[in-house]
Amino acid sequence: EKLHISEPSNAYDFGQIINAVNTNKDKAACADLLRITDPKKLPVLLSNKLEGEIFLIFIQSLEYYVVGKDPGLVYQHLFYLSKAERFKVVLALLSKNEKEQVQQLFDLLSENQNNQYSLEDLQSLKKVYEL
């Protein structure tokens, strides 16, 4: 059954939606959530709940459903995701294969580069993601 996604108004709502998305591994629903969520609010909405599984479903959803249509939004989400609590912890625990998935998304961002971010911006952000 398809998850109905509406804009989360607080960290609790966001957490509930993320848990449902993660349980079902529903990347399309996760992409919907990321499309309607203001990237700037991501660190607050995630609060201290960022985990490897959530991080990866974000990366995969952005890669499969969003980067081709709106690379600027993907850049913004990656930028603000890196400001979230526990980001460094999650990053440190990624496997080689998982890091490659993140690298792939960055590659797609350079291929689809638009005026919302420069290649220099992208390079700086890659350093933050330790790529």
Protein backbone atom coordinates (compact mmCIF):
# COMPACT_ATOMS: atom_id res chain seq x y z
CA GLU A 1 0.00 0.00 0.00
CA LYS A 2 1.37 3.40 -0.96
CA LEU A 3 2.29 5.66 1.92
CA HIS A 4 0.49 8.98 1.96
CA ILE A 5 3.09 11.66 2.53
CA SER A 6 2.19 15.08 3.83
CA GLU A 7 4.57 17.80 4.96
CA PRO A 8 5.78 17.06 8.49
CA SER A 9 5.24 19.96 10.88
CA ASN A 10 7.72 18.84 13.52
CA ALA A 11 10.50 16.38 14.32
CA TYR A 12 8.04 13.87 15.78
CA ASP A 13 5.89 13.78 12.59
CA PHE A 14 9.00 13.58 10.45
CA GLY A 15 10.31 10.70 12.56
CA GLN A 16 7.01 8.80 12.19
CA ILE A 17 7.05 9.19 8.40
CA ILE A 18 10.73 8.23 8.17
CA ASN A 19 10.12 5.10 10.25
CA ALA A 20 7.24 4.06 7.97
CA VAL A 21 9.30 4.78 4.86
CA ASN A 22 12.26 2.87 6.27
CA THR A 23 10.19 -0.14 7.39
CA ASN A 24 8.73 -0.47 3.88
CA LYS A 25 12.01 0.53 2.17
CA ASP A 26 9.73 2.80 0.14
CA LYS A 27 12.16 4.97 -1.81
CA ALA A 28 9.40 6.61 -3.87
CA ALA A 29 7.60 7.73 -0.70
CA CYS A 30 10.90 8.94 0.73
CA ALA A 31 11.50 10.97 -2.44
CA ASP A 32 8.02 12.50 -2.03
CA LEU A 33 8.87 13.40 1.55
CA LEU A 34 12.16 15.04 0.50
CA ARG A 35 10.41 16.94 -2.32
CA ILE A 36 7.96 18.59 0.09
CA THR A 37 10.40 19.13 2.95
CA ASP A 38 12.36 22.37 3.00
CA PRO A 39 16.03 21.26 2.99
CA LYS A 40 16.88 23.99 5.52
CA LYS A 41 14.57 22.30 8.03
CA LEU A 42 16.24 18.91 7.68
CA PRO A 43 18.68 19.20 10.62
CA VAL A 44 15.85 20.26 12.96
CA LEU A 45 13.41 17.64 11.67
CA LEU A 46 15.99 14.88 11.94
CA SER A 47 16.86 16.06 15.43
CA ASN A 48 19.28 13.43 16.85
CA LYS A 49 17.65 10.56 14.93
CA LEU A 50 19.92 10.29 11.90
CA GLU A 51 21.02 6.69 11.40
CA GLY A 52 22.81 4.77 8.68
CA GLU A 53 19.63 3.19 7.31
CA ILE A 54 17.85 6.54 7.08
CA PHE A 55 20.90 8.20 5.56
CA LEU A 56 21.06 5.51 2.86
CA ILE A 57 17.38 5.58 1.98
CA PHE A 58 17.72 9.37 1.59
CA ILE A 59 20.70 8.91 -0.73
CA GLN A 60 18.96 6.20 -2.78
CA SER A 61 15.68 8.13 -3.03
CA LEU A 62 17.47 11.27 -4.16
CA GLU A 63 19.44 9.24 -6.70
CA TYR A 64 16.53 7.21 -8.14
CA TYR A 65 13.75 9.78 -8.08
CA VAL A 66 14.96 13.34 -7.66
CA VAL A 67 18.40 14.07 -9.15
CA GLY A 68 17.24 13.74 -12.79
CA LYS A 69 14.39 16.21 -12.26
CA ASP A 70 15.76 18.61 -9.68
CA PRO A 71 19.52 18.42 -9.05
CA GLY A 72 19.38 21.75 -7.18
CA LEU A 73 17.05 20.26 -4.58
CA VAL A 74 19.33 17.22 -4.19
CA TYR A 75 22.33 19.51 -3.63
CA GLN A 76 20.38 21.46 -0.98
CA HIS A 77 19.33 18.27 0.81
CA LEU A 78 22.89 16.91 0.82
CA PHE A 79 24.15 20.25 2.09
CA TYR A 80 21.69 20.41 5.00
CA LEU A 81 21.91 16.69 5.72
CA SER A 82 25.59 17.28 6.45
CA LYS A 83 24.56 19.78 9.16
CA ALA A 84 22.42 17.20 10.97
CA GLU A 85 23.37 15.89 14.38
CA ARG A 86 25.08 12.48 14.12
CA PHE A 87 26.09 13.10 10.47
CA LYS A 88 29.78 12.48 11.21
CA VAL A 89 28.95 9.32 13.17
CA VAL A 90 26.81 7.92 10.36
CA LEU A 91 29.47 8.81 7.79
CA ALA A 92 32.16 7.04 9.79
CA LEU A 93 30.08 3.84 9.88
CA LEU A 94 29.34 3.61 6.14
CA SER A 95 30.72 0.56 4.35
CA LYS A 96 32.80 0.88 1.18
CA ASN A 97 29.75 -0.10 -0.90
CA GLU A 98 27.56 2.50 0.85
CA LYS A 99 30.19 5.20 0.30
CA GLU A 100 30.14 4.28 -3.40
CA GLN A 101 26.39 4.94 -3.47
CA VAL A 102 27.01 8.42 -2.10
CA GLN A 103 29.78 8.93 -4.66
CA GLN A 104 27.35 7.91 -7.45
CA LEU A 105 24.88 10.55 -6.36
CA PHE A 106 27.63 13.19 -6.40
CA ASP A 107 28.65 12.02 -9.90
CA LEU A 108 25.05 12.49 -11.08
CA LEU A 109 25.05 15.96 -9.52
CA SER A 110 28.14 16.96 -11.54
CA GLU A 111 26.59 15.54 -14.73
CA ASN A 112 23.29 17.37 -14.12
CA GLN A 113 24.91 20.51 -12.76
CA ASN A 114 22.67 23.58 -12.96
CA ASN A 115 22.84 27.21 -11.88
CA GLN A 116 21.77 26.42 -8.31
CA TYR A 117 25.24 25.21 -7.40
CA SER A 118 28.70 25.41 -8.92
CA LEU A 119 31.17 22.57 -9.41
CA GLU A 120 33.27 24.27 -6.70
CA ASP A 121 30.29 24.05 -4.30
CA LEU A 122 30.00 20.39 -5.19
CA GLN A 123 33.72 19.77 -4.58
CA SER A 124 33.49 21.41 -1.14
CA LEU A 125 30.46 19.33 -0.25
CA LYS A 126 32.21 16.13 -1.40
CA LYS A 127 34.98 16.89 1.09
CA VAL A 128 32.37 17.18 3.86
CA TYR A 129 31.14 13.71 2.82
CA GLU A 130 34.78 12.55 2.86
CA LEU A 131 34.75 11.51 -0.79
